[in-house]
N, C-alpha and C. Protein backbone atom coordinates (compact mmCIF):
# COMPACT_ATOMS: atom_id res chain seq x y z
N MET A 1 70.37 -101.28 -127.20
CA MET A 1 70.05 -102.66 -126.91
C MET A 1 69.27 -103.26 -128.08
N TYR A 2 69.61 -104.46 -128.48
CA TYR A 2 68.94 -105.13 -129.58
C TYR A 2 67.96 -106.16 -129.06
N THR A 3 66.75 -106.11 -129.53
CA THR A 3 65.75 -107.12 -129.26
C THR A 3 65.26 -107.61 -130.61
N PRO A 4 65.28 -108.92 -130.86
CA PRO A 4 64.82 -109.40 -132.16
C PRO A 4 63.39 -108.99 -132.45
N LEU A 5 63.13 -108.60 -133.67
CA LEU A 5 61.78 -108.25 -134.09
C LEU A 5 60.98 -109.55 -134.22
N ALA A 6 59.76 -109.55 -133.74
CA ALA A 6 58.91 -110.73 -133.83
C ALA A 6 57.46 -110.32 -134.02
N LEU A 7 56.74 -111.15 -134.73
CA LEU A 7 55.30 -110.98 -134.89
C LEU A 7 54.66 -112.34 -134.65
N PRO A 8 53.63 -112.40 -133.81
CA PRO A 8 52.98 -113.69 -133.57
C PRO A 8 52.33 -114.20 -134.86
N ASN A 9 52.07 -115.50 -134.93
CA ASN A 9 51.40 -116.03 -136.12
C ASN A 9 49.90 -116.21 -135.91
N ALA A 10 49.42 -115.88 -134.69
CA ALA A 10 47.99 -115.93 -134.40
C ALA A 10 47.68 -115.03 -133.21
N PHE A 11 46.43 -114.57 -133.16
CA PHE A 11 45.96 -113.82 -131.98
C PHE A 11 44.46 -114.03 -131.85
N SER A 12 43.96 -113.79 -130.64
CA SER A 12 42.54 -114.04 -130.35
C SER A 12 41.95 -112.86 -129.59
N PRO A 13 41.42 -111.88 -130.32
CA PRO A 13 40.87 -110.69 -129.67
C PRO A 13 39.51 -110.95 -129.03
N ASN A 14 39.52 -111.72 -127.94
CA ASN A 14 38.27 -112.09 -127.28
C ASN A 14 38.07 -111.40 -125.93
N GLY A 15 38.96 -110.45 -125.59
CA GLY A 15 38.79 -109.69 -124.37
C GLY A 15 39.26 -110.37 -123.10
N ASP A 16 39.99 -111.48 -123.22
CA ASP A 16 40.46 -112.16 -122.01
C ASP A 16 41.79 -111.61 -121.48
N GLY A 17 42.34 -110.60 -122.18
CA GLY A 17 43.58 -109.98 -121.73
C GLY A 17 44.84 -110.70 -122.21
N ARG A 18 44.69 -111.76 -122.96
CA ARG A 18 45.84 -112.51 -123.49
C ARG A 18 45.73 -112.59 -125.00
N ASN A 19 46.76 -112.14 -125.69
CA ASN A 19 46.81 -112.19 -127.16
C ASN A 19 45.63 -111.48 -127.82
N ASP A 20 45.17 -110.39 -127.22
CA ASP A 20 44.04 -109.64 -127.77
C ASP A 20 44.43 -108.64 -128.85
N ILE A 21 45.71 -108.27 -128.90
CA ILE A 21 46.21 -107.28 -129.85
C ILE A 21 47.34 -107.90 -130.66
N PHE A 22 47.29 -107.69 -131.98
CA PHE A 22 48.37 -108.13 -132.86
C PHE A 22 49.26 -106.92 -133.11
N TYR A 23 50.51 -106.98 -132.63
CA TYR A 23 51.42 -105.85 -132.78
C TYR A 23 52.86 -106.33 -132.94
N VAL A 24 53.71 -105.41 -133.37
CA VAL A 24 55.13 -105.71 -133.59
C VAL A 24 55.82 -105.81 -132.24
N LEU A 25 56.48 -106.94 -131.99
CA LEU A 25 57.20 -107.16 -130.75
C LEU A 25 58.69 -106.94 -131.01
N GLY A 26 59.36 -106.30 -130.11
CA GLY A 26 60.81 -106.13 -130.20
C GLY A 26 61.24 -105.22 -131.31
N GLY A 27 62.50 -105.37 -131.69
CA GLY A 27 63.13 -104.53 -132.70
C GLY A 27 64.29 -103.79 -132.08
N PRO A 28 65.23 -103.37 -132.90
CA PRO A 28 66.40 -102.65 -132.39
C PRO A 28 66.00 -101.36 -131.66
N ALA A 29 66.75 -101.02 -130.61
CA ALA A 29 66.52 -99.76 -129.89
C ALA A 29 66.61 -98.60 -130.88
N GLY A 30 65.69 -97.68 -130.79
CA GLY A 30 65.68 -96.53 -131.68
C GLY A 30 65.00 -96.76 -133.01
N SER A 31 64.42 -97.95 -133.22
CA SER A 31 63.72 -98.22 -134.48
C SER A 31 62.30 -97.67 -134.40
N VAL A 32 61.71 -97.43 -135.57
CA VAL A 32 60.36 -96.88 -135.68
C VAL A 32 59.61 -97.69 -136.73
N ILE A 33 58.35 -97.99 -136.45
CA ILE A 33 57.50 -98.64 -137.44
C ILE A 33 57.03 -97.56 -138.41
N LYS A 34 57.58 -97.56 -139.61
CA LYS A 34 57.15 -96.57 -140.62
C LYS A 34 55.72 -96.84 -141.02
N HIS A 35 55.41 -98.11 -141.29
CA HIS A 35 54.01 -98.48 -141.44
C HIS A 35 53.81 -99.96 -141.13
N PHE A 36 52.64 -100.24 -140.62
CA PHE A 36 52.21 -101.58 -140.25
C PHE A 36 50.80 -101.72 -140.83
N LEU A 37 50.67 -102.53 -141.87
CA LEU A 37 49.40 -102.67 -142.59
C LEU A 37 48.93 -104.11 -142.52
N ILE A 38 47.62 -104.28 -142.46
CA ILE A 38 47.01 -105.61 -142.46
C ILE A 38 45.92 -105.62 -143.53
N PHE A 39 45.92 -106.72 -144.31
CA PHE A 39 44.99 -106.86 -145.43
C PHE A 39 44.18 -108.14 -145.28
N ASN A 40 42.93 -108.10 -145.75
CA ASN A 40 42.12 -109.32 -145.76
C ASN A 40 42.45 -110.15 -146.99
N ARG A 41 41.77 -111.26 -147.16
CA ARG A 41 42.12 -112.17 -148.26
C ARG A 41 41.81 -111.62 -149.64
N TRP A 42 41.05 -110.53 -149.72
CA TRP A 42 40.77 -109.89 -151.00
C TRP A 42 41.71 -108.72 -151.27
N GLY A 43 42.64 -108.49 -150.35
CA GLY A 43 43.62 -107.42 -150.53
C GLY A 43 43.20 -106.07 -150.02
N ALA A 44 42.05 -105.98 -149.36
CA ALA A 44 41.58 -104.71 -148.80
C ALA A 44 42.31 -104.45 -147.48
N GLU A 45 42.77 -103.23 -147.29
CA GLU A 45 43.43 -102.86 -146.04
C GLU A 45 42.40 -102.80 -144.92
N VAL A 46 42.62 -103.56 -143.86
CA VAL A 46 41.70 -103.56 -142.72
C VAL A 46 42.27 -102.84 -141.50
N PHE A 47 43.58 -102.59 -141.53
CA PHE A 47 44.23 -101.88 -140.42
C PHE A 47 45.51 -101.24 -140.94
N GLY A 48 45.82 -100.07 -140.42
CA GLY A 48 47.07 -99.42 -140.75
C GLY A 48 47.48 -98.43 -139.68
N VAL A 49 48.78 -98.42 -139.39
CA VAL A 49 49.33 -97.45 -138.45
C VAL A 49 50.67 -97.00 -138.99
N HIS A 50 51.01 -95.76 -138.75
CA HIS A 50 52.25 -95.19 -139.26
C HIS A 50 53.02 -94.53 -138.12
N ASP A 51 54.34 -94.59 -138.21
CA ASP A 51 55.23 -93.94 -137.25
C ASP A 51 54.94 -94.37 -135.81
N GLY A 52 54.85 -95.67 -135.61
CA GLY A 52 54.59 -96.22 -134.29
C GLY A 52 55.84 -96.78 -133.64
N ALA A 53 55.70 -97.11 -132.39
CA ALA A 53 56.82 -97.68 -131.63
C ALA A 53 56.68 -99.19 -131.57
N PRO A 54 57.75 -99.92 -131.91
CA PRO A 54 57.68 -101.37 -131.76
C PRO A 54 57.57 -101.75 -130.28
N GLY A 55 56.86 -102.84 -130.02
CA GLY A 55 56.68 -103.30 -128.65
C GLY A 55 55.56 -102.61 -127.91
N ASP A 56 54.81 -101.75 -128.57
CA ASP A 56 53.72 -101.00 -127.93
C ASP A 56 52.38 -101.47 -128.49
N PRO A 57 51.55 -102.13 -127.67
CA PRO A 57 50.25 -102.60 -128.15
C PRO A 57 49.33 -101.49 -128.64
N ALA A 58 49.59 -100.24 -128.24
CA ALA A 58 48.78 -99.13 -128.71
C ALA A 58 48.88 -98.96 -130.22
N PHE A 59 49.93 -99.52 -130.83
CA PHE A 59 50.12 -99.44 -132.28
C PHE A 59 49.80 -100.78 -132.94
N GLY A 60 48.88 -101.54 -132.35
CA GLY A 60 48.52 -102.85 -132.88
C GLY A 60 47.06 -102.93 -133.28
N TRP A 61 46.73 -104.05 -133.92
CA TRP A 61 45.38 -104.29 -134.42
C TRP A 61 44.58 -105.08 -133.39
N ASP A 62 43.36 -104.62 -133.10
CA ASP A 62 42.50 -105.27 -132.12
C ASP A 62 41.50 -106.23 -132.75
N GLY A 63 41.67 -106.53 -134.04
CA GLY A 63 40.79 -107.47 -134.72
C GLY A 63 39.48 -106.88 -135.20
N ARG A 64 39.42 -105.54 -135.23
CA ARG A 64 38.21 -104.88 -135.71
C ARG A 64 38.46 -104.24 -137.07
N TYR A 65 37.39 -104.16 -137.84
CA TYR A 65 37.45 -103.50 -139.14
C TYR A 65 36.14 -102.76 -139.33
N GLY A 66 36.24 -101.46 -139.57
CA GLY A 66 35.04 -100.65 -139.74
C GLY A 66 34.16 -100.62 -138.51
N GLY A 67 34.77 -100.75 -137.32
CA GLY A 67 34.03 -100.67 -136.07
C GLY A 67 33.39 -101.97 -135.61
N THR A 68 33.53 -103.03 -136.40
CA THR A 68 32.97 -104.32 -135.99
C THR A 68 34.06 -105.39 -136.02
N ALA A 69 33.79 -106.49 -135.36
CA ALA A 69 34.76 -107.59 -135.29
C ALA A 69 34.99 -108.16 -136.69
N ALA A 70 36.25 -108.24 -137.08
CA ALA A 70 36.61 -108.85 -138.36
C ALA A 70 36.42 -110.36 -138.24
N PRO A 71 36.07 -111.02 -139.34
CA PRO A 71 35.88 -112.47 -139.26
C PRO A 71 37.17 -113.22 -138.99
N ALA A 72 37.04 -114.37 -138.37
CA ALA A 72 38.19 -115.24 -138.15
C ALA A 72 38.78 -115.62 -139.50
N GLY A 73 40.08 -115.85 -139.52
CA GLY A 73 40.72 -116.25 -140.77
C GLY A 73 42.15 -115.77 -140.82
N VAL A 74 42.74 -115.94 -141.99
CA VAL A 74 44.14 -115.56 -142.22
C VAL A 74 44.18 -114.17 -142.84
N TYR A 75 45.06 -113.33 -142.31
CA TYR A 75 45.27 -111.97 -142.81
C TYR A 75 46.75 -111.81 -143.15
N VAL A 76 47.02 -110.92 -144.10
CA VAL A 76 48.39 -110.66 -144.53
C VAL A 76 48.84 -109.35 -143.89
N TYR A 77 50.08 -109.32 -143.40
CA TYR A 77 50.62 -108.08 -142.84
C TYR A 77 51.88 -107.66 -143.59
N GLU A 78 52.14 -106.36 -143.52
CA GLU A 78 53.38 -105.79 -144.04
C GLU A 78 53.87 -104.77 -143.02
N VAL A 79 55.12 -104.89 -142.63
CA VAL A 79 55.74 -103.97 -141.68
C VAL A 79 56.97 -103.38 -142.35
N VAL A 80 57.09 -102.07 -142.30
CA VAL A 80 58.31 -101.40 -142.75
C VAL A 80 58.88 -100.68 -141.54
N MET A 81 60.10 -101.07 -141.17
CA MET A 81 60.77 -100.50 -140.00
C MET A 81 61.90 -99.59 -140.46
N SER A 82 62.02 -98.45 -139.80
CA SER A 82 63.17 -97.57 -139.97
C SER A 82 64.12 -97.88 -138.82
N LEU A 83 65.28 -98.38 -139.16
CA LEU A 83 66.25 -98.80 -138.16
C LEU A 83 67.25 -97.69 -137.87
N PRO A 84 67.93 -97.76 -136.73
CA PRO A 84 68.95 -96.77 -136.43
C PRO A 84 69.99 -96.72 -137.57
N GLY A 85 70.45 -95.53 -137.88
CA GLY A 85 71.40 -95.38 -138.98
C GLY A 85 70.72 -95.14 -140.31
N GLY A 86 69.37 -95.13 -140.33
CA GLY A 86 68.65 -94.82 -141.56
C GLY A 86 68.29 -96.00 -142.43
N ARG A 87 68.72 -97.21 -142.07
CA ARG A 87 68.37 -98.37 -142.87
C ARG A 87 66.88 -98.70 -142.72
N VAL A 88 66.27 -99.18 -143.80
CA VAL A 88 64.86 -99.54 -143.78
C VAL A 88 64.75 -101.04 -144.05
N GLN A 89 63.92 -101.72 -143.28
CA GLN A 89 63.73 -103.16 -143.44
C GLN A 89 62.24 -103.46 -143.57
N GLN A 90 61.88 -104.34 -144.51
CA GLN A 90 60.49 -104.72 -144.74
C GLN A 90 60.27 -106.17 -144.30
N TYR A 91 59.11 -106.42 -143.68
CA TYR A 91 58.73 -107.75 -143.24
C TYR A 91 57.32 -108.01 -143.74
N LYS A 92 57.08 -109.23 -144.24
CA LYS A 92 55.73 -109.62 -144.69
C LYS A 92 55.43 -111.00 -144.15
N GLY A 93 54.16 -111.25 -143.91
CA GLY A 93 53.76 -112.56 -143.42
C GLY A 93 52.26 -112.65 -143.27
N THR A 94 51.81 -113.69 -142.57
CA THR A 94 50.39 -113.88 -142.32
C THR A 94 50.16 -114.07 -140.83
N VAL A 95 48.94 -113.76 -140.43
CA VAL A 95 48.51 -113.95 -139.05
C VAL A 95 47.11 -114.55 -139.07
N MET A 96 46.85 -115.45 -138.15
CA MET A 96 45.53 -116.07 -138.02
C MET A 96 44.76 -115.36 -136.92
N LEU A 97 43.61 -114.81 -137.28
CA LEU A 97 42.71 -114.22 -136.30
C LEU A 97 41.77 -115.33 -135.85
N VAL A 98 41.80 -115.64 -134.56
CA VAL A 98 41.02 -116.73 -134.00
C VAL A 98 39.86 -116.14 -133.19
N ARG A 99 38.66 -116.57 -133.45
CA ARG A 99 37.47 -116.11 -132.69
C ARG A 99 36.95 -117.23 -131.83
């Protein structure tokens, strides 16, 4: 089954149970997130996960860096997906962390 891959353009990790985690939504059945990285505006990696499942919030960013809440602002993400059949696809973009 094919589900289009999607990433929100904003999230608000405020504990209200809505949009608290930034994670990869959808993707082709059998695909794997090879890596999902998030960088701050200075290029420092603030979050990274490898070999995760798309559509699973457990493989997403909760807006924390170094154990504390990351500041509101724009962050850059990079996702590399391993698709069925061995093809690899890369996605890049930005996300707004709203506090």
